[in-house]
């Protein structure tokens, strides 16, 4: 098992992509600490599934925008497992709304979760990693940080910031043997994405039209990339953003071959 004896923190680890990463890490031998915002039942289910894989796991209800909550999560991981070897900054949410209608409170909340949370967790876990002279930080962003998306101005802005944060921090901490990388998923079929389809915030058929592989991604496919970045297999990879998007960000906009060209 490639992560045997390692300890990982996954923010927002009770559902969706975060849960898939937590389970994949556990399957590869890692002990996992994760936090979640408010759904105790989902967290309990995830804990049980991790333990059924033979790994140890702990969870904490909390908000990554709150410094005390993040500090408690890092302390919990160290107290239970003795180290922090991997940090996955996954917690986040989307916002689809005309720019002119966005409230200051929505901007503040988006910055708090997507940037303040990433900063706090990276500082606290990174301190331990630098002392160990080893560690991997993985930031989960979005293709919205790579290409511009109307009605997602704030979301695109914070995801782009997360990508540059990854590059800059990777260069700063490289001498400490702490690697920092980013994953930018395309449209991944999570419960949240399904809800966006139902609410009319996302048109599934249009998504498939702009995706050369003509299908949605699965959370397990993001987890596989996270495993690579967490493992020694990526020992010379830092400061990179991997778009896991079925080819979307590489496509120039012409119809794909399977649709008649």
C-alpha atoms as a PDB file:
ATOM      1  CA  UNK A   1       0.000   0.000   0.000  1.00  0.00           C
ATOM      2  CA  UNK A   2       1.554   3.207  -1.220  1.00  0.00           C
ATOM      3  CA  UNK A   3       0.502   5.389   1.756  1.00  0.00           C
ATOM      4  CA  UNK A   4       1.115   2.830   4.475  1.00  0.00           C
ATOM      5  CA  UNK A   5       1.820   4.481   7.869  1.00  0.00           C
ATOM      6  CA  UNK A   6       1.114   7.967   6.466  1.00  0.00           C
ATOM      7  CA  UNK A   7      -1.346  10.428   8.005  1.00  0.00           C
ATOM      8  CA  UNK A   8      -3.584  12.674   5.916  1.00  0.00           C
ATOM      9  CA  UNK A   9      -5.938  15.576   6.534  1.00  0.00           C
ATOM     10  CA  UNK A  10      -8.823  16.094   4.100  1.00  0.00           C
ATOM     11  CA  UNK A  11     -10.979  19.179   4.558  1.00  0.00           C
ATOM     12  CA  UNK A  12     -14.590  18.713   3.549  1.00  0.00           C
ATOM     13  CA  UNK A  13     -14.023  14.966   3.656  1.00  0.00           C
ATOM     14  CA  UNK A  14     -17.495  13.645   4.437  1.00  0.00           C
ATOM     15  CA  UNK A  15     -18.968  13.794   0.929  1.00  0.00           C
ATOM     16  CA  UNK A  16     -18.271  14.139  -2.763  1.00  0.00           C
ATOM     17  CA  UNK A  17     -14.689  14.517  -3.932  1.00  0.00           C
ATOM     18  CA  UNK A  18     -13.359  14.852  -0.389  1.00  0.00           C
ATOM     19  CA  UNK A  19     -14.931  11.570   0.667  1.00  0.00           C
ATOM     20  CA  UNK A  20     -13.606   9.793  -2.429  1.00  0.00           C
ATOM     21  CA  UNK A  21     -10.085  11.033  -1.610  1.00  0.00           C
ATOM     22  CA  UNK A  22     -10.366  10.030   2.044  1.00  0.00           C
ATOM     23  CA  UNK A  23     -11.505   6.520   1.096  1.00  0.00           C
ATOM     24  CA  UNK A  24      -8.802   6.106  -1.547  1.00  0.00           C
ATOM     25  CA  UNK A  25      -6.099   7.187   0.889  1.00  0.00           C
ATOM     26  CA  UNK A  26      -7.445   4.758   3.500  1.00  0.00           C
ATOM     27  CA  UNK A  27      -7.483   1.951   0.962  1.00  0.00           C
ATOM     28  CA  UNK A  28      -3.790   2.653   0.365  1.00  0.00           C
ATOM     29  CA  UNK A  29      -2.933   2.459   4.071  1.00  0.00           C
ATOM     30  CA  UNK A  30      -3.213   6.053   5.300  1.00  0.00           C
ATOM     31  CA  UNK A  31      -4.790   7.183   8.540  1.00  0.00           C
ATOM     32  CA  UNK A  32      -7.261   9.981   7.784  1.00  0.00           C
ATOM     33  CA  UNK A  33      -8.490  13.026   9.699  1.00  0.00           C
ATOM     34  CA  UNK A  34     -11.246  15.009   8.032  1.00  0.00           C
ATOM     35  CA  UNK A  35     -13.603  17.808   8.876  1.00  0.00           C
ATOM     36  CA  UNK A  36     -17.109  18.604   7.705  1.00  0.00           C
ATOM     37  CA  UNK A  37     -19.428  21.565   8.005  1.00  0.00           C
ATOM     38  CA  UNK A  38     -22.745  20.332   9.388  1.00  0.00           C
ATOM     39  CA  UNK A  39     -23.971  16.863   8.352  1.00  0.00           C
ATOM     40  CA  UNK A  40     -23.175  14.520  11.242  1.00  0.00           C
ATOM     41  CA  UNK A  41     -24.756  11.509   9.556  1.00  0.00           C
ATOM     42  CA  UNK A  42     -22.624  11.839   6.431  1.00  0.00           C
ATOM     43  CA  UNK A  43     -19.521  12.150   8.592  1.00  0.00           C
ATOM     44  CA  UNK A  44     -20.439   9.039  10.593  1.00  0.00           C
ATOM     45  CA  UNK A  45     -20.997   7.077   7.389  1.00  0.00           C
ATOM     46  CA  UNK A  46     -17.612   8.146   6.019  1.00  0.00           C
ATOM     47  CA  UNK A  47     -15.854   7.240   9.268  1.00  0.00           C
ATOM     48  CA  UNK A  48     -17.414   3.805   9.190  1.00  0.00           C
ATOM     49  CA  UNK A  49     -16.436   3.214   5.556  1.00  0.00           C
ATOM     50  CA  UNK A  50     -12.822   4.219   6.238  1.00  0.00           C
ATOM     51  CA  UNK A  51     -12.602   1.918   9.249  1.00  0.00           C
ATOM     52  CA  UNK A  52     -14.074  -0.932   7.221  1.00  0.00           C
ATOM     53  CA  UNK A  53     -11.052  -0.563   4.953  1.00  0.00           C
ATOM     54  CA  UNK A  54      -8.794  -1.260   7.928  1.00  0.00           C
ATOM     55  CA  UNK A  55      -7.562   2.313   8.407  1.00  0.00           C
ATOM     56  CA  UNK A  56      -7.875   4.618  11.375  1.00  0.00           C
ATOM     57  CA  UNK A  57      -9.971   7.745  11.040  1.00  0.00           C
ATOM     58  CA  UNK A  58     -11.135  10.744  13.044  1.00  0.00           C
ATOM     59  CA  UNK A  59     -13.529  13.518  12.118  1.00  0.00           C
ATOM     60  CA  UNK A  60     -14.293  17.005  13.364  1.00  0.00           C
ATOM     61  CA  UNK A  61     -17.262  19.248  12.750  1.00  0.00           C
ATOM     62  CA  UNK A  62     -15.995  22.697  11.872  1.00  0.00           C
ATOM     63  CA  UNK A  63     -15.595  25.552   9.413  1.00  0.00           C
ATOM     64  CA  UNK A  64     -12.302  25.939   7.559  1.00  0.00           C
ATOM     65  CA  UNK A  65     -12.782  29.710   7.543  1.00  0.00           C
ATOM     66  CA  UNK A  66     -12.364  29.659  11.319  1.00  0.00           C
ATOM     67  CA  UNK A  67      -8.772  29.564  12.553  1.00  0.00           C
ATOM     68  CA  UNK A  68      -9.559  27.764  15.802  1.00  0.00           C
ATOM     69  CA  UNK A  69     -11.445  25.062  13.932  1.00  0.00           C
ATOM     70  CA  UNK A  70      -8.557  24.446  11.519  1.00  0.00           C
ATOM     71  CA  UNK A  71      -6.058  24.420  14.380  1.00  0.00           C
ATOM     72  CA  UNK A  72      -8.178  21.855  16.189  1.00  0.00           C
ATOM     73  CA  UNK A  73      -8.248  19.638  13.095  1.00  0.00           C
ATOM     74  CA  UNK A  74      -4.463  19.713  12.689  1.00  0.00           C
ATOM     75  CA  UNK A  75      -3.966  19.086  16.409  1.00  0.00           C
ATOM     76  CA  UNK A  76      -6.417  16.182  16.227  1.00  0.00           C
ATOM     77  CA  UNK A  77      -4.471  14.566  13.393  1.00  0.00           C
ATOM     78  CA  UNK A  78      -1.145  14.956  15.187  1.00  0.00           C
ATOM     79  CA  UNK A  79      -2.591  13.792  18.501  1.00  0.00           C
ATOM     80  CA  UNK A  80      -4.159  10.685  17.004  1.00  0.00           C
ATOM     81  CA  UNK A  81      -1.595   9.732  14.380  1.00  0.00           C
ATOM     82  CA  UNK A  82       1.613  11.526  15.376  1.00  0.00           C
ATOM     83  CA  UNK A  83       2.210  13.411  12.130  1.00  0.00           C
ATOM     84  CA  UNK A  84       0.717  15.181   9.127  1.00  0.00           C
ATOM     85  CA  UNK A  85       2.119  13.819   5.884  1.00  0.00           C
ATOM     86  CA  UNK A  86      -0.570  14.936   3.452  1.00  0.00           C
ATOM     87  CA  UNK A  87      -2.998  17.860   3.461  1.00  0.00           C
ATOM     88  CA  UNK A  88      -5.845  18.023   0.960  1.00  0.00           C
ATOM     89  CA  UNK A  89      -7.530  21.436   0.905  1.00  0.00           C
ATOM     90  CA  UNK A  90     -10.817  20.277  -0.559  1.00  0.00           C
ATOM     91  CA  UNK A  91     -13.559  22.159   1.311  1.00  0.00           C
ATOM     92  CA  UNK A  92     -15.453  24.554  -0.903  1.00  0.00           C
ATOM     93  CA  UNK A  93     -18.705  25.523  -2.578  1.00  0.00           C
ATOM     94  CA  UNK A  94     -19.822  27.099  -5.811  1.00  0.00           C
ATOM     95  CA  UNK A  95     -21.731  30.272  -6.600  1.00  0.00           C
ATOM     96  CA  UNK A  96     -23.652  30.766  -9.841  1.00  0.00           C
ATOM     97  CA  UNK A  97     -25.092  34.270  -9.935  1.00  0.00           C
ATOM     98  CA  UNK A  98     -24.992  37.436 -12.065  1.00  0.00           C
ATOM     99  CA  UNK A  99     -22.063  39.548 -10.916  1.00  0.00           C
ATOM    100  CA  UNK A 100     -24.208  42.659 -10.384  1.00  0.00           C
ATOM    101  CA  UNK A 101     -26.346  40.770  -7.851  1.00  0.00           C
ATOM    102  CA  UNK A 102     -23.550  39.392  -5.693  1.00  0.00           C
ATOM    103  CA  UNK A 103     -23.655  40.578  -2.081  1.00  0.00           C
ATOM    104  CA  UNK A 104     -20.583  41.527  -0.063  1.00  0.00           C
ATOM    105  CA  UNK A 105     -21.411  38.725   2.375  1.00  0.00           C
ATOM    106  CA  UNK A 106     -21.246  36.180  -0.460  1.00  0.00           C
ATOM    107  CA  UNK A 107     -17.844  37.490  -1.504  1.00  0.00           C
ATOM    108  CA  UNK A 108     -16.624  37.333   2.085  1.00  0.00           C
ATOM    109  CA  UNK A 109     -17.881  33.782   2.538  1.00  0.00           C
ATOM    110  CA  UNK A 110     -16.281  32.610  -0.705  1.00  0.00           C
ATOM    111  CA  UNK A 111     -12.940  34.130   0.275  1.00  0.00           C
ATOM    112  CA  UNK A 112     -13.250  32.681   3.775  1.00  0.00           C
ATOM    113  CA  UNK A 113     -13.777  29.095   2.631  1.00  0.00           C
ATOM    114  CA  UNK A 114     -11.666  28.981  -0.510  1.00  0.00           C
ATOM    115  CA  UNK A 115      -8.731  31.196   0.447  1.00  0.00           C
ATOM    116  CA  UNK A 116      -8.619  31.827   4.194  1.00  0.00           C
ATOM    117  CA  UNK A 117      -9.268  28.137   4.835  1.00  0.00           C
ATOM    118  CA  UNK A 118      -6.507  27.076   2.449  1.00  0.00           C
ATOM    119  CA  UNK A 119      -4.088  29.600   3.958  1.00  0.00           C
ATOM    120  CA  UNK A 120      -4.761  28.528   7.551  1.00  0.00           C
ATOM    121  CA  UNK A 121      -4.611  24.796   6.913  1.00  0.00           C
ATOM    122  CA  UNK A 122      -1.468  25.116   4.805  1.00  0.00           C
ATOM    123  CA  UNK A 123       0.305  27.242   7.416  1.00  0.00           C
ATOM    124  CA  UNK A 124      -0.535  24.922  10.310  1.00  0.00           C
ATOM    125  CA  UNK A 125       0.002  21.585   8.569  1.00  0.00           C
ATOM    126  CA  UNK A 126       2.946  23.007   6.632  1.00  0.00           C
ATOM    127  CA  UNK A 127       4.768  23.927   9.828  1.00  0.00           C
ATOM    128  CA  UNK A 128       4.749  20.259  10.823  1.00  0.00           C
ATOM    129  CA  UNK A 129       5.736  19.114   7.343  1.00  0.00           C
ATOM    130  CA  UNK A 130       8.667  21.515   7.208  1.00  0.00           C
ATOM    131  CA  UNK A 131       9.896  20.278  10.564  1.00  0.00           C
ATOM    132  CA  UNK A 132       9.621  16.710   9.218  1.00  0.00           C
ATOM    133  CA  UNK A 133      11.316  17.804   5.977  1.00  0.00           C
ATOM    134  CA  UNK A 134       8.606  15.999   4.034  1.00  0.00           C
ATOM    135  CA  UNK A 135       4.980  16.451   3.055  1.00  0.00           C
ATOM    136  CA  UNK A 136       2.480  16.968   0.270  1.00  0.00           C
ATOM    137  CA  UNK A 137      -0.175  19.688   0.095  1.00  0.00           C
ATOM    138  CA  UNK A 138      -2.888  19.203  -2.515  1.00  0.00           C
ATOM    139  CA  UNK A 139      -5.315  22.012  -3.305  1.00  0.00           C
ATOM    140  CA  UNK A 140      -8.585  21.174  -5.012  1.00  0.00           C
ATOM    141  CA  UNK A 141      -9.509  24.037  -7.348  1.00  0.00           C
ATOM    142  CA  UNK A 142     -11.572  23.913 -10.551  1.00  0.00           C
ATOM    143  CA  UNK A 143     -11.311  24.398 -14.294  1.00  0.00           C
ATOM    144  CA  UNK A 144     -13.173  27.635 -13.495  1.00  0.00           C
ATOM    145  CA  UNK A 145      -9.808  28.910 -12.290  1.00  0.00           C
ATOM    146  CA  UNK A 146      -8.254  28.170 -15.681  1.00  0.00           C
ATOM    147  CA  UNK A 147     -10.969  29.333 -18.089  1.00  0.00           C
ATOM    148  CA  UNK A 148     -13.464  32.167 -17.616  1.00  0.00           C
ATOM    149  CA  UNK A 149     -17.072  31.218 -16.861  1.00  0.00           C
ATOM    150  CA  UNK A 150     -19.933  33.728 -16.982  1.00  0.00           C
ATOM    151  CA  UNK A 151     -22.132  33.873 -13.842  1.00  0.00           C
ATOM    152  CA  UNK A 152     -19.212  32.466 -11.853  1.00  0.00           C
ATOM    153  CA  UNK A 153     -17.032  35.564 -11.553  1.00  0.00           C
ATOM    154  CA  UNK A 154     -16.280  35.175  -7.855  1.00  0.00           C
ATOM    155  CA  UNK A 155     -15.920  31.400  -8.033  1.00  0.00           C
ATOM    156  CA  UNK A 156     -13.536  31.678 -10.982  1.00  0.00           C
ATOM    157  CA  UNK A 157     -11.567  34.374  -9.155  1.00  0.00           C
ATOM    158  CA  UNK A 158     -10.950  32.363  -5.976  1.00  0.00           C
ATOM    159  CA  UNK A 159     -10.103  29.209  -7.913  1.00  0.00           C
ATOM    160  CA  UNK A 160      -7.578  31.107 -10.027  1.00  0.00           C
ATOM    161  CA  UNK A 161      -6.104  32.539  -6.830  1.00  0.00           C
ATOM    162  CA  UNK A 162      -5.811  29.027  -5.432  1.00  0.00           C
ATOM    163  CA  UNK A 163      -3.809  27.970  -8.484  1.00  0.00           C
ATOM    164  CA  UNK A 164      -1.335  30.850  -8.110  1.00  0.00           C
ATOM    165  CA  UNK A 165      -1.150  30.224  -4.356  1.00  0.00           C
ATOM    166  CA  UNK A 166      -0.092  26.672  -5.223  1.00  0.00           C
ATOM    167  CA  UNK A 167       2.682  27.807  -7.550  1.00  0.00           C
ATOM    168  CA  UNK A 168       4.102  30.429  -5.216  1.00  0.00           C
ATOM    169  CA  UNK A 169       4.020  28.288  -2.086  1.00  0.00           C
ATOM    170  CA  UNK A 170       5.552  25.337  -3.938  1.00  0.00           C
ATOM    171  CA  UNK A 171       8.542  27.473  -4.877  1.00  0.00           C
ATOM    172  CA  UNK A 172       8.899  28.883  -1.361  1.00  0.00           C
ATOM    173  CA  UNK A 173       8.759  25.517   0.417  1.00  0.00           C
ATOM    174  CA  UNK A 174      10.611  23.354  -2.084  1.00  0.00           C
ATOM    175  CA  UNK A 175      13.825  23.473  -0.042  1.00  0.00           C
ATOM    176  CA  UNK A 176      11.891  22.112   2.935  1.00  0.00           C
ATOM    177  CA  UNK A 177      10.856  19.113   0.816  1.00  0.00           C
ATOM    178  CA  UNK A 178       7.208  20.069   1.059  1.00  0.00           C
ATOM    179  CA  UNK A 179       5.495  19.678  -2.290  1.00  0.00           C
ATOM    180  CA  UNK A 180       2.436  21.763  -3.183  1.00  0.00           C
ATOM    181  CA  UNK A 181       0.217  20.877  -6.117  1.00  0.00           C
ATOM    182  CA  UNK A 182      -3.288  21.530  -7.353  1.00  0.00           C
ATOM    183  CA  UNK A 183      -6.072  19.551  -9.028  1.00  0.00           C
ATOM    184  CA  UNK A 184      -8.579  21.414 -11.199  1.00  0.00           C
ATOM    185  CA  UNK A 185     -11.578  19.133 -11.775  1.00  0.00           C
ATOM    186  CA  UNK A 186     -14.021  19.564 -14.604  1.00  0.00           C
ATOM    187  CA  UNK A 187     -17.657  18.559 -14.114  1.00  0.00           C
ATOM    188  CA  UNK A 188     -17.566  15.715 -11.611  1.00  0.00           C
ATOM    189  CA  UNK A 189     -20.801  13.873 -10.905  1.00  0.00           C
ATOM    190  CA  UNK A 190     -21.201  14.595  -7.188  1.00  0.00           C
ATOM    191  CA  UNK A 191     -24.440  15.141  -5.265  1.00  0.00           C
ATOM    192  CA  UNK A 192     -23.835  18.900  -5.479  1.00  0.00           C
ATOM    193  CA  UNK A 193     -23.519  18.779  -9.272  1.00  0.00           C
ATOM    194  CA  UNK A 194     -26.695  16.707  -9.506  1.00  0.00           C
ATOM    195  CA  UNK A 195     -28.474  19.351  -7.426  1.00  0.00           C
ATOM    196  CA  UNK A 196     -27.202  22.043  -9.793  1.00  0.00           C
ATOM    197  CA  UNK A 197     -28.667  20.091 -12.714  1.00  0.00           C
ATOM    198  CA  UNK A 198     -32.012  19.854 -10.913  1.00  0.00           C
ATOM    199  CA  UNK A 199     -32.043  23.563 -10.025  1.00  0.00           C
ATOM    200  CA  UNK A 200     -31.185  24.598 -13.565  1.00  0.00           C
ATOM    201  CA  UNK A 201     -27.843  26.123 -12.549  1.00  0.00           C
ATOM    202  CA  UNK A 202     -25.948  23.741 -14.815  1.00  0.00           C
ATOM    203  CA  UNK A 203     -27.027  22.288 -18.155  1.00  0.00           C
ATOM    204  CA  UNK A 204     -25.732  18.717 -18.366  1.00  0.00           C
ATOM    205  CA  UNK A 205     -26.146  18.471 -22.128  1.00  0.00           C
ATOM    206  CA  UNK A 206     -24.124  21.642 -22.675  1.00  0.00           C
ATOM    207  CA  UNK A 207     -21.402  20.349 -20.376  1.00  0.00           C
ATOM    208  CA  UNK A 208     -21.114  17.201 -22.460  1.00  0.00           C
ATOM    209  CA  UNK A 209     -20.993  19.247 -25.673  1.00  0.00           C
ATOM    210  CA  UNK A 210     -17.886  21.087 -24.439  1.00  0.00           C
ATOM    211  CA  UNK A 211     -16.177  17.954 -23.055  1.00  0.00           C
ATOM    212  CA  UNK A 212     -14.191  15.986 -25.674  1.00  0.00           C
ATOM    213  CA  UNK A 213     -14.577  12.723 -23.732  1.00  0.00           C
ATOM    214  CA  UNK A 214     -18.356  13.299 -23.785  1.00  0.00           C
ATOM    215  CA  UNK A 215     -18.985  12.179 -20.210  1.00  0.00           C
ATOM    216  CA  UNK A 216     -18.926  13.493 -16.676  1.00  0.00           C
ATOM    217  CA  UNK A 217     -16.094  12.676 -14.321  1.00  0.00           C
ATOM    218  CA  UNK A 218     -16.405  10.484 -11.259  1.00  0.00           C
ATOM    219  CA  UNK A 219     -15.094  11.493  -7.801  1.00  0.00           C
ATOM    220  CA  UNK A 220     -12.896   8.382  -7.836  1.00  0.00           C
ATOM    221  CA  UNK A 221     -11.014   9.821 -10.822  1.00  0.00           C
ATOM    222  CA  UNK A 222     -10.061  12.895  -8.797  1.00  0.00           C
ATOM    223  CA  UNK A 223      -9.071  10.638  -5.910  1.00  0.00           C
ATOM    224  CA  UNK A 224      -6.694   8.713  -8.167  1.00  0.00           C
ATOM    225  CA  UNK A 225      -4.863  11.891  -9.114  1.00  0.00           C
ATOM    226  CA  UNK A 226      -4.763  12.993  -5.472  1.00  0.00           C
ATOM    227  CA  UNK A 227      -3.218   9.633  -4.569  1.00  0.00           C
ATOM    228  CA  UNK A 228      -0.501  10.160  -7.169  1.00  0.00           C
ATOM    229  CA  UNK A 229       0.282  13.639  -5.816  1.00  0.00           C
ATOM    230  CA  UNK A 230       0.298  12.366  -2.224  1.00  0.00           C
ATOM    231  CA  UNK A 231       2.599   9.455  -2.951  1.00  0.00           C
ATOM    232  CA  UNK A 232       6.331   9.070  -3.634  1.00  0.00           C
ATOM    233  CA  UNK A 233       5.410   8.421  -7.280  1.00  0.00           C
ATOM    234  CA  UNK A 234       5.205  12.215  -7.715  1.00  0.00           C
ATOM    235  CA  UNK A 235       8.375  13.017  -5.773  1.00  0.00           C
ATOM    236  CA  UNK A 236       9.659  15.493  -8.407  1.00  0.00           C
ATOM    237  CA  UNK A 237       6.289  17.168  -9.029  1.00  0.00           C
ATOM    238  CA  UNK A 238       5.552  20.477  -7.329  1.00  0.00           C
ATOM    239  CA  UNK A 239       3.845  23.741  -8.233  1.00  0.00           C
ATOM    240  CA  UNK A 240       1.657  22.040 -10.818  1.00  0.00           C
ATOM    241  CA  UNK A 241      -2.054  22.185 -11.597  1.00  0.00           C
ATOM    242  CA  UNK A 242      -3.505  19.033 -13.150  1.00  0.00           C
ATOM    243  CA  UNK A 243      -6.785  19.564 -14.985  1.00  0.00           C
ATOM    244  CA  UNK A 244      -8.900  16.425 -14.645  1.00  0.00           C
ATOM    245  CA  UNK A 245     -11.647  17.463 -17.018  1.00  0.00           C
ATOM    246  CA  UNK A 246     -12.081  15.034 -19.919  1.00  0.00           C
ATOM    247  CA  UNK A 247     -10.142  17.403 -22.173  1.00  0.00           C
ATOM    248  CA  UNK A 248     -12.350  20.445 -21.629  1.00  0.00           C
ATOM    249  CA  UNK A 249      -9.606  23.024 -20.998  1.00  0.00           C
ATOM    250  CA  UNK A 250      -7.579  21.730 -23.978  1.00  0.00           C
ATOM    251  CA  UNK A 251     -10.444  22.029 -26.438  1.00  0.00           C
ATOM    252  CA  UNK A 252     -10.595  25.145 -28.599  1.00  0.00           C
ATOM    253  CA  UNK A 253     -14.347  25.131 -29.119  1.00  0.00           C
ATOM    254  CA  UNK A 254     -14.787  23.402 -32.472  1.00  0.00           C
ATOM    255  CA  UNK A 255     -17.088  20.361 -32.551  1.00  0.00           C
ATOM    256  CA  UNK A 256     -15.259  17.205 -31.472  1.00  0.00           C
ATOM    257  CA  UNK A 257     -14.625  14.453 -34.010  1.00  0.00           C
ATOM    258  CA  UNK A 258     -17.287  12.125 -32.645  1.00  0.00           C
ATOM    259  CA  UNK A 259     -19.897  14.789 -33.413  1.00  0.00           C
ATOM    260  CA  UNK A 260     -19.274  15.059 -37.116  1.00  0.00           C
ATOM    261  CA  UNK A 261     -15.958  16.779 -37.820  1.00  0.00           C
END
